[in-house]
């Protein structure tokens, strides 16, 4: 996910996407624990997408309060 895509999202869309990614991260952790994980790089990608969404959401909320 690109930062420009995240900036274009509304706060509700950001929350929905964050929930979806956290659920995916949970499932990936279980797959790794059971030895079923095929795309190991996806774990890192999801983690970074979560961080990106949280960062941009915080910047947007700080910008609205200024």
PDB file of N, CA and C in Angstrom:
ATOM      1  N   UNK A   1       0.838  -1.171   0.000  1.00  0.00           N
ATOM      2  CA  UNK A   1       0.000   0.000   0.000  1.00  0.00           C
ATOM      3  C   UNK A   1       0.890   1.244   0.000  1.00  0.00           C
ATOM      4  N   UNK A   2       0.575   2.156  -0.877  1.00  0.00           N
ATOM      5  CA  UNK A   2       1.345   3.387  -1.005  1.00  0.00           C
ATOM      6  C   UNK A   2       0.828   4.439  -0.024  1.00  0.00           C
ATOM      7  N   UNK A   3       1.709   5.329   0.398  1.00  0.00           N
ATOM      8  CA  UNK A   3       1.323   6.390   1.321  1.00  0.00           C
ATOM      9  C   UNK A   3       0.278   7.305   0.689  1.00  0.00           C
ATOM     10  N   UNK A   4       0.388   7.542  -0.612  1.00  0.00           N
ATOM     11  CA  UNK A   4      -0.585   8.400  -1.290  1.00  0.00           C
ATOM     12  C   UNK A   4      -1.986   7.793  -1.228  1.00  0.00           C
ATOM     13  N   UNK A   5      -2.067   6.467  -1.308  1.00  0.00           N
ATOM     14  CA  UNK A   5      -3.364   5.800  -1.199  1.00  0.00           C
ATOM     15  C   UNK A   5      -3.953   5.990   0.188  1.00  0.00           C
ATOM     16  N   UNK A   6      -3.103   5.932   1.200  1.00  0.00           N
ATOM     17  CA  UNK A   6      -3.572   6.080   2.573  1.00  0.00           C
ATOM     18  C   UNK A   6      -4.021   7.512   2.828  1.00  0.00           C
ATOM     19  N   UNK A   7      -3.291   8.480   2.295  1.00  0.00           N
ATOM     20  CA  UNK A   7      -3.671   9.881   2.477  1.00  0.00           C
ATOM     21  C   UNK A   7      -5.031  10.182   1.852  1.00  0.00           C
ATOM     22  N   UNK A   8      -5.386   9.457   0.809  1.00  0.00           N
ATOM     23  CA  UNK A   8      -6.654   9.699   0.127  1.00  0.00           C
ATOM     24  C   UNK A   8      -7.850   9.127   0.888  1.00  0.00           C
ATOM     25  N   UNK A   9      -7.596   8.301   1.883  1.00  0.00           N
ATOM     26  CA  UNK A   9      -8.684   7.653   2.621  1.00  0.00           C
ATOM     27  C   UNK A   9      -9.274   8.579   3.683  1.00  0.00           C
ATOM     28  N   UNK A  10     -10.562   8.352   3.977  1.00  0.00           N
ATOM     29  CA  UNK A  10     -11.224   9.065   5.063  1.00  0.00           C
ATOM     30  C   UNK A  10     -10.872   8.380   6.380  1.00  0.00           C
ATOM     31  N   UNK A  11     -11.114   9.037   7.498  1.00  0.00           N
ATOM     32  CA  UNK A  11     -10.819   8.401   8.799  1.00  0.00           C
ATOM     33  C   UNK A  11     -11.550   7.066   8.997  1.00  0.00           C
ATOM     34  N   UNK A  12     -12.784   6.969   8.523  1.00  0.00           N
ATOM     35  CA  UNK A  12     -13.517   5.702   8.641  1.00  0.00           C
ATOM     36  C   UNK A  12     -12.866   4.611   7.804  1.00  0.00           C
ATOM     37  N   UNK A  13     -12.433   4.977   6.601  1.00  0.00           N
ATOM     38  CA  UNK A  13     -11.762   4.002   5.745  1.00  0.00           C
ATOM     39  C   UNK A  13     -10.442   3.559   6.368  1.00  0.00           C
ATOM     40  N   UNK A  14      -9.735   4.494   7.007  1.00  0.00           N
ATOM     41  CA  UNK A  14      -8.478   4.149   7.669  1.00  0.00           C
ATOM     42  C   UNK A  14      -8.716   3.144   8.786  1.00  0.00           C
ATOM     43  N   UNK A  15      -9.771   3.375   9.580  1.00  0.00           N
ATOM     44  CA  UNK A  15     -10.078   2.448  10.667  1.00  0.00           C
ATOM     45  C   UNK A  15     -10.456   1.074  10.139  1.00  0.00           C
ATOM     46  N   UNK A  16     -11.224   1.031   9.062  1.00  0.00           N
ATOM     47  CA  UNK A  16     -11.615  -0.246   8.464  1.00  0.00           C
ATOM     48  C   UNK A  16     -10.396  -0.998   7.932  1.00  0.00           C
ATOM     49  N   UNK A  17      -9.524  -0.279   7.242  1.00  0.00           N
ATOM     50  CA  UNK A  17      -8.322  -0.899   6.676  1.00  0.00           C
ATOM     51  C   UNK A  17      -7.392  -1.382   7.785  1.00  0.00           C
ATOM     52  N   UNK A  18      -7.299  -0.599   8.859  1.00  0.00           N
ATOM     53  CA  UNK A  18      -6.460  -0.996   9.992  1.00  0.00           C
ATOM     54  C   UNK A  18      -6.989  -2.281  10.632  1.00  0.00           C
ATOM     55  N   UNK A  19      -8.288  -2.371  10.807  1.00  0.00           N
ATOM     56  CA  UNK A  19      -8.888  -3.577  11.383  1.00  0.00           C
ATOM     57  C   UNK A  19      -8.648  -4.785  10.481  1.00  0.00           C
ATOM     58  N   UNK A  20      -8.773  -4.580   9.170  1.00  0.00           N
ATOM     59  CA  UNK A  20      -8.550  -5.672   8.222  1.00  0.00           C
ATOM     60  C   UNK A  20      -7.104  -6.166   8.279  1.00  0.00           C
ATOM     61  N   UNK A  21      -6.167  -5.222   8.347  1.00  0.00           N
ATOM     62  CA  UNK A  21      -4.748  -5.596   8.389  1.00  0.00           C
ATOM     63  C   UNK A  21      -4.384  -6.281   9.702  1.00  0.00           C
ATOM     64  N   UNK A  22      -4.963  -5.830  10.803  1.00  0.00           N
ATOM     65  CA  UNK A  22      -4.681  -6.478  12.082  1.00  0.00           C
ATOM     66  C   UNK A  22      -5.207  -7.912  12.095  1.00  0.00           C
ATOM     67  N   UNK A  23      -6.362  -8.123  11.479  1.00  0.00           N
ATOM     68  CA  UNK A  23      -6.910  -9.476  11.393  1.00  0.00           C
ATOM     69  C   UNK A  23      -6.006 -10.352  10.518  1.00  0.00           C
ATOM     70  N   UNK A  24      -5.523  -9.783   9.420  1.00  0.00           N
ATOM     71  CA  UNK A  24      -4.616 -10.525   8.550  1.00  0.00           C
ATOM     72  C   UNK A  24      -3.312 -10.850   9.280  1.00  0.00           C
ATOM     73  N   UNK A  25      -2.810  -9.896  10.046  1.00  0.00           N
ATOM     74  CA  UNK A  25      -1.582 -10.119  10.809  1.00  0.00           C
ATOM     75  C   UNK A  25      -1.777 -11.261  11.809  1.00  0.00           C
ATOM     76  N   UNK A  26      -2.919 -11.289  12.458  1.00  0.00           N
ATOM     77  CA  UNK A  26      -3.238 -12.360  13.398  1.00  0.00           C
ATOM     78  C   UNK A  26      -3.234 -13.716  12.698  1.00  0.00           C
ATOM     79  N   UNK A  27      -3.875 -13.777  11.535  1.00  0.00           N
ATOM     80  CA  UNK A  27      -3.927 -15.027  10.779  1.00  0.00           C
ATOM     81  C   UNK A  27      -2.539 -15.457  10.294  1.00  0.00           C
ATOM     82  N   UNK A  28      -1.731 -14.496   9.888  1.00  0.00           N
ATOM     83  CA  UNK A  28      -0.378 -14.814   9.436  1.00  0.00           C
ATOM     84  C   UNK A  28       0.477 -15.375  10.570  1.00  0.00           C
ATOM     85  N   UNK A  29       0.287 -14.838  11.768  1.00  0.00           N
ATOM     86  CA  UNK A  29       1.036 -15.353  12.916  1.00  0.00           C
ATOM     87  C   UNK A  29       0.675 -16.810  13.186  1.00  0.00           C
ATOM     88  N   UNK A  30      -0.614 -17.132  13.075  1.00  0.00           N
ATOM     89  CA  UNK A  30      -1.028 -18.519  13.276  1.00  0.00           C
ATOM     90  C   UNK A  30      -0.490 -19.424  12.186  1.00  0.00           C
ATOM     91  N   UNK A  31      -0.502 -18.943  10.961  1.00  0.00           N
ATOM     92  CA  UNK A  31       0.031 -19.745   9.859  1.00  0.00           C
ATOM     93  C   UNK A  31       1.514 -20.013  10.066  1.00  0.00           C
ATOM     94  N   UNK A  32       2.245 -19.003  10.543  1.00  0.00           N
ATOM     95  CA  UNK A  32       3.676 -19.187  10.774  1.00  0.00           C
ATOM     96  C   UNK A  32       3.908 -20.197  11.896  1.00  0.00           C
ATOM     97  N   UNK A  33       3.086 -20.127  12.936  1.00  0.00           N
ATOM     98  CA  UNK A  33       3.255 -21.026  14.075  1.00  0.00           C
ATOM     99  C   UNK A  33       2.964 -22.478  13.700  1.00  0.00           C
ATOM    100  N   UNK A  34       2.031 -22.675  12.773  1.00  0.00           N
ATOM    101  CA  UNK A  34       1.669 -24.039  12.384  1.00  0.00           C
ATOM    102  C   UNK A  34       2.460 -24.524  11.176  1.00  0.00           C
ATOM    103  N   UNK A  35       3.323 -23.677  10.644  1.00  0.00           N
ATOM    104  CA  UNK A  35       4.153 -24.080   9.514  1.00  0.00           C
ATOM    105  C   UNK A  35       3.437 -24.034   8.176  1.00  0.00           C
ATOM    106  N   UNK A  36       2.336 -23.312   8.078  1.00  0.00           N
ATOM    107  CA  UNK A  36       1.555 -23.240   6.846  1.00  0.00           C
ATOM    108  C   UNK A  36       1.814 -21.967   6.050  1.00  0.00           C
ATOM    109  N   UNK A  37       2.640 -21.085   6.574  1.00  0.00           N
ATOM    110  CA  UNK A  37       2.871 -19.791   5.930  1.00  0.00           C
ATOM    111  C   UNK A  37       3.746 -19.965   4.696  1.00  0.00           C
ATOM    112  N   UNK A  38       3.234 -19.538   3.548  1.00  0.00           N
ATOM    113  CA  UNK A  38       3.987 -19.645   2.296  1.00  0.00           C
ATOM    114  C   UNK A  38       4.671 -18.335   1.929  1.00  0.00           C
ATOM    115  N   UNK A  39       3.960 -17.224   2.059  1.00  0.00           N
ATOM    116  CA  UNK A  39       4.530 -15.922   1.704  1.00  0.00           C
ATOM    117  C   UNK A  39       5.039 -15.234   2.975  1.00  0.00           C
ATOM    118  N   UNK A  40       6.277 -15.532   3.326  1.00  0.00           N
ATOM    119  CA  UNK A  40       6.828 -14.995   4.566  1.00  0.00           C
ATOM    120  C   UNK A  40       7.020 -13.480   4.511  1.00  0.00           C
ATOM    121  N   UNK A  41       7.218 -12.932   3.344  1.00  0.00           N
ATOM    122  CA  UNK A  41       7.423 -11.486   3.203  1.00  0.00           C
ATOM    123  C   UNK A  41       6.148 -10.706   3.517  1.00  0.00           C
ATOM    124  N   UNK A  42       5.016 -11.372   3.436  1.00  0.00           N
ATOM    125  CA  UNK A  42       3.744 -10.695   3.695  1.00  0.00           C
ATOM    126  C   UNK A  42       3.650 -10.220   5.147  1.00  0.00           C
ATOM    127  N   UNK A  43       4.300 -10.928   6.070  1.00  0.00           N
ATOM    128  CA  UNK A  43       4.280 -10.538   7.483  1.00  0.00           C
ATOM    129  C   UNK A  43       4.881  -9.141   7.640  1.00  0.00           C
ATOM    130  N   UNK A  44       6.030  -8.935   7.038  1.00  0.00           N
ATOM    131  CA  UNK A  44       6.708  -7.638   7.115  1.00  0.00           C
ATOM    132  C   UNK A  44       5.890  -6.551   6.414  1.00  0.00           C
ATOM    133  N   UNK A  45       5.309  -6.895   5.283  1.00  0.00           N
ATOM    134  CA  UNK A  45       4.526  -5.934   4.520  1.00  0.00           C
ATOM    135  C   UNK A  45       3.292  -5.476   5.299  1.00  0.00           C
ATOM    136  N   UNK A  46       2.614  -6.404   5.939  1.00  0.00           N
ATOM    137  CA  UNK A  46       1.428  -6.062   6.718  1.00  0.00           C
ATOM    138  C   UNK A  46       1.814  -5.195   7.907  1.00  0.00           C
ATOM    139  N   UNK A  47       2.918  -5.554   8.567  1.00  0.00           N
ATOM    140  CA  UNK A  47       3.363  -4.776   9.721  1.00  0.00           C
ATOM    141  C   UNK A  47       3.664  -3.333   9.328  1.00  0.00           C
ATOM    142  N   UNK A  48       4.304  -3.151   8.192  1.00  0.00           N
ATOM    143  CA  UNK A  48       4.624  -1.795   7.736  1.00  0.00           C
ATOM    144  C   UNK A  48       3.375  -1.034   7.295  1.00  0.00           C
ATOM    145  N   UNK A  49       2.424  -1.730   6.683  1.00  0.00           N
ATOM    146  CA  UNK A  49       1.174  -1.074   6.294  1.00  0.00           C
ATOM    147  C   UNK A  49       0.402  -0.591   7.519  1.00  0.00           C
ATOM    148  N   UNK A  50       0.404  -1.400   8.584  1.00  0.00           N
ATOM    149  CA  UNK A  50      -0.262  -0.992   9.824  1.00  0.00           C
ATOM    150  C   UNK A  50       0.402   0.264  10.380  1.00  0.00           C
ATOM    151  N   UNK A  51       1.717   0.280  10.410  1.00  0.00           N
ATOM    152  CA  UNK A  51       2.449   1.447  10.911  1.00  0.00           C
ATOM    153  C   UNK A  51       2.177   2.673  10.050  1.00  0.00           C
ATOM    154  N   UNK A  52       2.136   2.475   8.739  1.00  0.00           N
ATOM    155  CA  UNK A  52       1.884   3.583   7.819  1.00  0.00           C
ATOM    156  C   UNK A  52       0.499   4.184   8.070  1.00  0.00           C
ATOM    157  N   UNK A  53      -0.491   3.331   8.232  1.00  0.00           N
ATOM    158  CA  UNK A  53      -1.856   3.814   8.463  1.00  0.00           C
ATOM    159  C   UNK A  53      -1.942   4.546   9.792  1.00  0.00           C
ATOM    160  N   UNK A  54      -1.333   3.998  10.838  1.00  0.00           N
ATOM    161  CA  UNK A  54      -1.372   4.655  12.145  1.00  0.00           C
ATOM    162  C   UNK A  54      -0.684   6.015  12.103  1.00  0.00           C
ATOM    163  N   UNK A  55       0.440   6.091  11.415  1.00  0.00           N
ATOM    164  CA  UNK A  55       1.188   7.344  11.328  1.00  0.00           C
ATOM    165  C   UNK A  55       0.389   8.415  10.594  1.00  0.00           C
ATOM    166  N   UNK A  56      -0.166   8.059   9.466  1.00  0.00           N
ATOM    167  CA  UNK A  56      -0.907   9.035   8.665  1.00  0.00           C
ATOM    168  C   UNK A  56      -2.203   9.444   9.371  1.00  0.00           C
ATOM    169  N   UNK A  57      -2.848   8.491  10.053  1.00  0.00           N
ATOM    170  CA  UNK A  57      -4.055   8.829  10.818  1.00  0.00           C
ATOM    171  C   UNK A  57      -3.728   9.835  11.924  1.00  0.00           C
ATOM    172  N   UNK A  58      -2.594   9.642  12.596  1.00  0.00           N
ATOM    173  CA  UNK A  58      -2.175  10.572  13.644  1.00  0.00           C
ATOM    174  C   UNK A  58      -1.856  11.945  13.069  1.00  0.00           C
ATOM    175  N   UNK A  59      -1.217  11.974  11.907  1.00  0.00           N
ATOM    176  CA  UNK A  59      -0.890  13.260  11.270  1.00  0.00           C
ATOM    177  C   UNK A  59      -2.160  13.982  10.843  1.00  0.00           C
ATOM    178  N   UNK A  60      -3.121  13.223  10.327  1.00  0.00           N
ATOM    179  CA  UNK A  60      -4.375  13.845   9.911  1.00  0.00           C
ATOM    180  C   UNK A  60      -5.122  14.423  11.112  1.00  0.00           C
ATOM    181  N   UNK A  61      -5.181  13.687  12.210  1.00  0.00           N
ATOM    182  CA  UNK A  61      -5.905  14.184  13.378  1.00  0.00           C
ATOM    183  C   UNK A  61      -5.181  15.378  13.998  1.00  0.00           C
ATOM    184  N   UNK A  62      -3.867  15.381  13.961  1.00  0.00           N
ATOM    185  CA  UNK A  62      -3.107  16.524  14.479  1.00  0.00           C
ATOM    186  C   UNK A  62      -3.307  17.739  13.584  1.00  0.00           C
ATOM    187  N   UNK A  63      -3.429  17.520  12.299  1.00  0.00           N
ATOM    188  CA  UNK A  63      -3.649  18.617  11.361  1.00  0.00           C
ATOM    189  C   UNK A  63      -5.028  19.244  11.509  1.00  0.00           C
ATOM    190  N   UNK A  64      -6.007  18.432  11.885  1.00  0.00           N
ATOM    191  CA  UNK A  64      -7.364  18.956  12.072  1.00  0.00           C
ATOM    192  C   UNK A  64      -7.492  19.789  13.318  1.00  0.00           C
ATOM    193  N   UNK A  65      -6.663  19.525  14.328  1.00  0.00           N
ATOM    194  CA  UNK A  65      -6.740  20.245  15.590  1.00  0.00           C
ATOM    195  C   UNK A  65      -5.930  21.531  15.574  1.00  0.00           C
ATOM    196  N   UNK A  66      -5.118  21.720  14.583  1.00  0.00           N
ATOM    197  CA  UNK A  66      -4.240  22.900  14.543  1.00  0.00           C
ATOM    198  C   UNK A  66      -4.982  24.144  14.127  1.00  0.00           C
TER     199      UNK A  66
END
